[in-house]
Amino acid sequence: MGLRFRKSFKIAPGVRLNVSNKNTGLSFGGKGLRYSINSNGRRTSSVGIPG
């Protein structure tokens, strides 16, 4: 059985630091639009559609 760890810290409004046992990442944005970068270099963006 594996052990998982994940913790998220709010740095500023719209900026969040995510820490897990394998990597670390930063997320920018708010409701509807978010851009994320992790320590492996993976970049993702997500867009939400209201309703």
PDB file of N, CA and C in Angstrom:
ATOM      1  N   MET A   1       0.846  -1.187   0.000  1.00  0.00           N
ATOM      2  CA  MET A   1       0.000   0.000   0.000  1.00  0.00           C
ATOM      3  C   MET A   1       0.883   1.237   0.000  1.00  0.00           C
ATOM      4  N   GLY A   2       0.663   2.128  -0.971  1.00  0.00           N
ATOM      5  CA  GLY A   2       1.466   3.333  -1.087  1.00  0.00           C
ATOM      6  C   GLY A   2       0.953   4.458  -0.206  1.00  0.00           C
ATOM      7  N   LEU A   3       1.833   5.353   0.142  1.00  0.00           N
ATOM      8  CA  LEU A   3       1.482   6.507   0.957  1.00  0.00           C
ATOM      9  C   LEU A   3       1.523   7.741   0.067  1.00  0.00           C
ATOM     10  N   ARG A   4       0.452   8.504   0.044  1.00  0.00           N
ATOM     11  CA  ARG A   4       0.384   9.718  -0.778  1.00  0.00           C
ATOM     12  C   ARG A   4       0.301  10.945   0.112  1.00  0.00           C
ATOM     13  N   PHE A   5       0.914  12.021  -0.367  1.00  0.00           N
ATOM     14  CA  PHE A   5       0.902  13.290   0.355  1.00  0.00           C
ATOM     15  C   PHE A   5       0.642  14.403  -0.641  1.00  0.00           C
ATOM     16  N   ARG A   6      -0.275  15.293  -0.317  1.00  0.00           N
ATOM     17  CA  ARG A   6      -0.537  16.463  -1.157  1.00  0.00           C
ATOM     18  C   ARG A   6      -1.006  17.598  -0.259  1.00  0.00           C
ATOM     19  N   LYS A   7      -0.412  18.775  -0.436  1.00  0.00           N
ATOM     20  CA  LYS A   7      -0.771  19.941   0.355  1.00  0.00           C
ATOM     21  C   LYS A   7      -0.766  21.154  -0.556  1.00  0.00           C
ATOM     22  N   SER A   8      -1.726  22.047  -0.360  1.00  0.00           N
ATOM     23  CA  SER A   8      -1.853  23.247  -1.167  1.00  0.00           C
ATOM     24  C   SER A   8      -1.804  24.475  -0.259  1.00  0.00           C
ATOM     25  N   PHE A   9      -0.993  25.466  -0.643  1.00  0.00           N
ATOM     26  CA  PHE A   9      -0.849  26.692   0.132  1.00  0.00           C
ATOM     27  C   PHE A   9      -1.263  27.882  -0.722  1.00  0.00           C
ATOM     28  N   LYS A  10      -2.064  28.762  -0.160  1.00  0.00           N
ATOM     29  CA  LYS A  10      -2.458  29.986  -0.848  1.00  0.00           C
ATOM     30  C   LYS A  10      -1.402  31.053  -0.574  1.00  0.00           C
ATOM     31  N   ILE A  11      -0.714  31.491  -1.627  1.00  0.00           N
ATOM     32  CA  ILE A  11       0.359  32.480  -1.490  1.00  0.00           C
ATOM     33  C   ILE A  11      -0.201  33.891  -1.579  1.00  0.00           C
ATOM     34  N   ALA A  12      -1.041  34.138  -2.566  1.00  0.00           N
ATOM     35  CA  ALA A  12      -1.670  35.437  -2.794  1.00  0.00           C
ATOM     36  C   ALA A  12      -3.012  35.167  -3.463  1.00  0.00           C
ATOM     37  N   PRO A  13      -3.867  36.169  -3.576  1.00  0.00           N
ATOM     38  CA  PRO A  13      -5.125  35.933  -4.287  1.00  0.00           C
ATOM     39  C   PRO A  13      -4.865  35.494  -5.734  1.00  0.00           C
ATOM     40  N   GLY A  14      -5.346  34.320  -6.075  1.00  0.00           N
ATOM     41  CA  GLY A  14      -5.168  33.789  -7.419  1.00  0.00           C
ATOM     42  C   GLY A  14      -3.888  33.012  -7.633  1.00  0.00           C
ATOM     43  N   VAL A  15      -3.026  32.882  -6.598  1.00  0.00           N
ATOM     44  CA  VAL A  15      -1.765  32.137  -6.716  1.00  0.00           C
ATOM     45  C   VAL A  15      -1.731  31.067  -5.638  1.00  0.00           C
ATOM     46  N   ARG A  16      -1.456  29.827  -6.052  1.00  0.00           N
ATOM     47  CA  ARG A  16      -1.468  28.708  -5.124  1.00  0.00           C
ATOM     48  C   ARG A  16      -0.232  27.836  -5.355  1.00  0.00           C
ATOM     49  N   LEU A  17       0.408  27.383  -4.276  1.00  0.00           N
ATOM     50  CA  LEU A  17       1.546  26.481  -4.324  1.00  0.00           C
ATOM     51  C   LEU A  17       1.069  25.098  -3.932  1.00  0.00           C
ATOM     52  N   ASN A  18       1.280  24.109  -4.795  1.00  0.00           N
ATOM     53  CA  ASN A  18       0.867  22.737  -4.546  1.00  0.00           C
ATOM     54  C   ASN A  18       2.107  21.876  -4.325  1.00  0.00           C
ATOM     55  N   VAL A  19       2.141  21.148  -3.209  1.00  0.00           N
ATOM     56  CA  VAL A  19       3.280  20.309  -2.866  1.00  0.00           C
ATOM     57  C   VAL A  19       2.789  18.878  -2.711  1.00  0.00           C
ATOM     58  N   SER A  20       3.488  17.932  -3.361  1.00  0.00           N
ATOM     59  CA  SER A  20       3.183  16.516  -3.186  1.00  0.00           C
ATOM     60  C   SER A  20       4.485  15.776  -2.924  1.00  0.00           C
ATOM     61  N   ASN A  21       4.394  14.463  -2.731  1.00  0.00           N
ATOM     62  CA  ASN A  21       5.615  13.718  -2.418  1.00  0.00           C
ATOM     63  C   ASN A  21       6.518  13.544  -3.636  1.00  0.00           C
ATOM     64  N   LYS A  22       6.055  13.809  -4.850  1.00  0.00           N
ATOM     65  CA  LYS A  22       6.898  13.658  -6.033  1.00  0.00           C
ATOM     66  C   LYS A  22       7.297  14.969  -6.688  1.00  0.00           C
ATOM     67  N   ASN A  23       6.450  16.009  -6.640  1.00  0.00           N
ATOM     68  CA  ASN A  23       6.820  17.277  -7.264  1.00  0.00           C
ATOM     69  C   ASN A  23       6.075  18.445  -6.636  1.00  0.00           C
ATOM     70  N   THR A  24       6.396  19.627  -7.137  1.00  0.00           N
ATOM     71  CA  THR A  24       5.834  20.880  -6.643  1.00  0.00           C
ATOM     72  C   THR A  24       5.318  21.670  -7.834  1.00  0.00           C
ATOM     73  N   GLY A  25       4.254  22.443  -7.630  1.00  0.00           N
ATOM     74  CA  GLY A  25       3.720  23.223  -8.730  1.00  0.00           C
ATOM     75  C   GLY A  25       3.121  24.538  -8.279  1.00  0.00           C
ATOM     76  N   LEU A  26       2.949  25.436  -9.235  1.00  0.00           N
ATOM     77  CA  LEU A  26       2.323  26.737  -9.009  1.00  0.00           C
ATOM     78  C   LEU A  26       1.103  26.853  -9.904  1.00  0.00           C
ATOM     79  N   SER A  27       0.026  27.408  -9.372  1.00  0.00           N
ATOM     80  CA  SER A  27      -1.187  27.655 -10.148  1.00  0.00           C
ATOM     81  C   SER A  27      -1.521  29.126 -10.080  1.00  0.00           C
ATOM     82  N   PHE A  28      -1.864  29.707 -11.238  1.00  0.00           N
ATOM     83  CA  PHE A  28      -2.245  31.112 -11.335  1.00  0.00           C
ATOM     84  C   PHE A  28      -3.645  31.200 -11.915  1.00  0.00           C
ATOM     85  N   GLY A  29      -4.441  32.111 -11.403  1.00  0.00           N
ATOM     86  CA  GLY A  29      -5.765  32.341 -11.975  1.00  0.00           C
ATOM     87  C   GLY A  29      -6.857  32.219 -10.938  1.00  0.00           C
ATOM     88  N   GLY A  30      -8.066  32.404 -11.388  1.00  0.00           N
ATOM     89  CA  GLY A  30      -9.210  32.342 -10.497  1.00  0.00           C
ATOM     90  C   GLY A  30     -10.292  31.476 -11.090  1.00  0.00           C
ATOM     91  N   LYS A  31     -11.521  31.820 -10.790  1.00  0.00           N
ATOM     92  CA  LYS A  31     -12.643  31.055 -11.305  1.00  0.00           C
ATOM     93  C   LYS A  31     -12.732  31.239 -12.817  1.00  0.00           C
ATOM     94  N   GLY A  32     -12.857  30.149 -13.521  1.00  0.00           N
ATOM     95  CA  GLY A  32     -13.030  30.220 -14.963  1.00  0.00           C
ATOM     96  C   GLY A  32     -11.762  30.076 -15.780  1.00  0.00           C
ATOM     97  N   LEU A  33     -10.606  30.441 -15.250  1.00  0.00           N
ATOM     98  CA  LEU A  33      -9.359  30.359 -16.006  1.00  0.00           C
ATOM     99  C   LEU A  33      -8.205  30.068 -15.051  1.00  0.00           C
ATOM    100  N   ARG A  34      -7.417  29.043 -15.345  1.00  0.00           N
ATOM    101  CA  ARG A  34      -6.290  28.677 -14.493  1.00  0.00           C
ATOM    102  C   ARG A  34      -5.123  28.211 -15.348  1.00  0.00           C
ATOM    103  N   TYR A  35      -3.891  28.576 -14.945  1.00  0.00           N
ATOM    104  CA  TYR A  35      -2.665  28.171 -15.619  1.00  0.00           C
ATOM    105  C   TYR A  35      -1.741  27.574 -14.569  1.00  0.00           C
ATOM    106  N   SER A  36      -1.207  26.389 -14.827  1.00  0.00           N
ATOM    107  CA  SER A  36      -0.394  25.679 -13.847  1.00  0.00           C
ATOM    108  C   SER A  36       0.937  25.264 -14.439  1.00  0.00           C
ATOM    109  N   ILE A  37       1.980  25.318 -13.594  1.00  0.00           N
ATOM    110  CA  ILE A  37       3.323  24.870 -13.959  1.00  0.00           C
ATOM    111  C   ILE A  37       3.820  23.997 -12.815  1.00  0.00           C
ATOM    112  N   ASN A  38       4.371  22.800 -13.131  1.00  0.00           N
ATOM    113  CA  ASN A  38       4.933  21.988 -12.062  1.00  0.00           C
ATOM    114  C   ASN A  38       6.441  21.835 -12.228  1.00  0.00           C
ATOM    115  N   SER A  39       7.088  21.201 -11.260  1.00  0.00           N
ATOM    116  CA  SER A  39       8.545  21.129 -11.242  1.00  0.00           C
ATOM    117  C   SER A  39       9.103  20.240 -12.345  1.00  0.00           C
ATOM    118  N   ASN A  40       8.293  19.379 -12.949  1.00  0.00           N
ATOM    119  CA  ASN A  40       8.741  18.562 -14.070  1.00  0.00           C
ATOM    120  C   ASN A  40       8.716  19.336 -15.377  1.00  0.00           C
ATOM    121  N   GLY A  41       8.179  20.559 -15.380  1.00  0.00           N
ATOM    122  CA  GLY A  41       8.093  21.376 -16.577  1.00  0.00           C
ATOM    123  C   GLY A  41       6.761  21.267 -17.292  1.00  0.00           C
ATOM    124  N   ARG A  42       5.856  20.479 -16.754  1.00  0.00           N
ATOM    125  CA  ARG A  42       4.542  20.329 -17.389  1.00  0.00           C
ATOM    126  C   ARG A  42       3.720  21.597 -17.161  1.00  0.00           C
ATOM    127  N   ARG A  43       3.137  22.108 -18.239  1.00  0.00           N
ATOM    128  CA  ARG A  43       2.307  23.316 -18.167  1.00  0.00           C
ATOM    129  C   ARG A  43       0.910  22.967 -18.629  1.00  0.00           C
ATOM    130  N   THR A  44      -0.078  23.353 -17.857  1.00  0.00           N
ATOM    131  CA  THR A  44      -1.473  23.100 -18.230  1.00  0.00           C
ATOM    132  C   THR A  44      -2.291  24.352 -18.031  1.00  0.00           C
ATOM    133  N   SER A  45      -3.341  24.477 -18.818  1.00  0.00           N
ATOM    134  CA  SER A  45      -4.285  25.568 -18.628  1.00  0.00           C
ATOM    135  C   SER A  45      -5.676  24.974 -18.712  1.00  0.00           C
ATOM    136  N   SER A  46      -6.595  25.559 -17.952  1.00  0.00           N
ATOM    137  CA  SER A  46      -7.961  25.081 -17.975  1.00  0.00           C
ATOM    138  C   SER A  46      -8.905  26.274 -18.002  1.00  0.00           C
ATOM    139  N   VAL A  47      -9.994  26.092 -18.728  1.00  0.00           N
ATOM    140  CA  VAL A  47     -11.004  27.136 -18.869  1.00  0.00           C
ATOM    141  C   VAL A  47     -12.346  26.529 -18.495  1.00  0.00           C
ATOM    142  N   GLY A  48     -13.073  27.225 -17.635  1.00  0.00           N
ATOM    143  CA  GLY A  48     -14.405  26.777 -17.246  1.00  0.00           C
ATOM    144  C   GLY A  48     -15.465  27.573 -17.963  1.00  0.00           C
ATOM    145  N   ILE A  49     -16.537  26.894 -18.315  1.00  0.00           N
ATOM    146  CA  ILE A  49     -17.659  27.549 -18.978  1.00  0.00           C
ATOM    147  C   ILE A  49     -18.800  27.653 -17.987  1.00  0.00           C
ATOM    148  N   PRO A  50     -19.310  28.843 -17.686  1.00  0.00           N
ATOM    149  CA  PRO A  50     -20.382  28.962 -16.705  1.00  0.00           C
ATOM    150  C   PRO A  50     -21.666  28.264 -17.160  1.00  0.00           C
ATOM    151  N   GLY A  51     -22.352  27.715 -16.188  1.00  0.00           N
ATOM    152  CA  GLY A  51     -23.632  27.072 -16.463  1.00  0.00           C
ATOM    153  C   GLY A  51     -23.452  25.669 -16.897  1.00  0.00           C
TER     154      GLY A  51
END
